[in-house]
């Protein structure tokens, strides 16, 4: 078992702006931690710093309570699975999985026993005598994972291991990795991905990283928390927009009134008043904000107009016109025209009958809304 602690880790290449800025992070024993973020945010670089394949420009890395800055990768007690399978084409599956152990001087009988055990876990028993060319992409990735498992490390590191697989194989292998983590619960796991579905389904903890000017201004880490923390309680517009697919809808608004129930905002384009259950103690009337609501958090859609509700009611309503319907079988996405020139996306059941050109009323709850200040920070929700 090996907890990981990063203190003030920064990484820069030459005179260029740092890729990583001030990373302070604790990853607990047995924890599955996912590094998530857009391209260029430094998530793979951070993983390689933990592995010892990159040196931090500044800051410290501790694994299992030991400072490992000067310890080479082979002695850190970590095993890494790369994006590319990196298998030896002239070796069999069995030889590929056991090669690292043989190099370390592990007796042959122990190597064979460990390989057999890992192969059974990964359902590779029938392929041990095959070479990589005779395997599917998913099977090759499982061999790469098996090569890491046989080392029985304290830390597993995964660098976008599913990005080379098709959608079906990604889904299957994602489930296998989740099962493996439960089976090898003595090890901590750090997993890099740009795919939020992988992050949400695999991670106990997500570390969402940002890039560019925002990282330079605010630091590399946007938010740390459980998948549902980031989904339900994003601390900024960046987090709210990155987590969720389709992304959250955003509507320009201004503060109209404050009450003990939250904040009443007036939409810029339609003069609709919407109650949002957030703490507005730091706000003032007339201040510009952004109202956010996820496509899946609309309750229902009614064709035509309904009587307007009081802005203080828990149920809020808006009237808009349907411009496009995406029918995906299990559910449908309705695109509604907004006077600002943007689109409001609403998730509905797959058998929804609404057609483009129809005027509809959408209903949603005050506590499903989010509010973001002009600087992109989220207003805290009322308990």
Foldseek 3Di string as FASTA:
>chain_A
DKKKWWAQFWADDPPDDTLFGGDTDIFDFLFEEEEAEDPSNCQVVVLCCQLQVDATPDTFMGIRNHTCNPPHNVPNLEFECEQDLPFDQVAFLLCRLLVVVVVVVDDPVLSNVLLCVLCVLLVNNVRRRPGPVPDDLLVSLSSSVSSRVSSLGQEYEYENNCPVDDPVSSVVVLVSVQVVSVVSSRHYYYYYDHDLVSVQVRGQKYFYFYDDPCCVVPGGTQDMHHSVCLDQPPFFQVSQQSHDPVGKDKFKWWFADADPQATWTQTPQPRFTAAAQFDCPVDDGGAIKIKIFHQAQWDDKAFDDDDADDNPDFKHKDKFFFADWAQDPQWIWTWTDDRVRHTHIHIGGNPDDDDGGTIMMIMGGNHRMWMAHPVGGTGGGDD
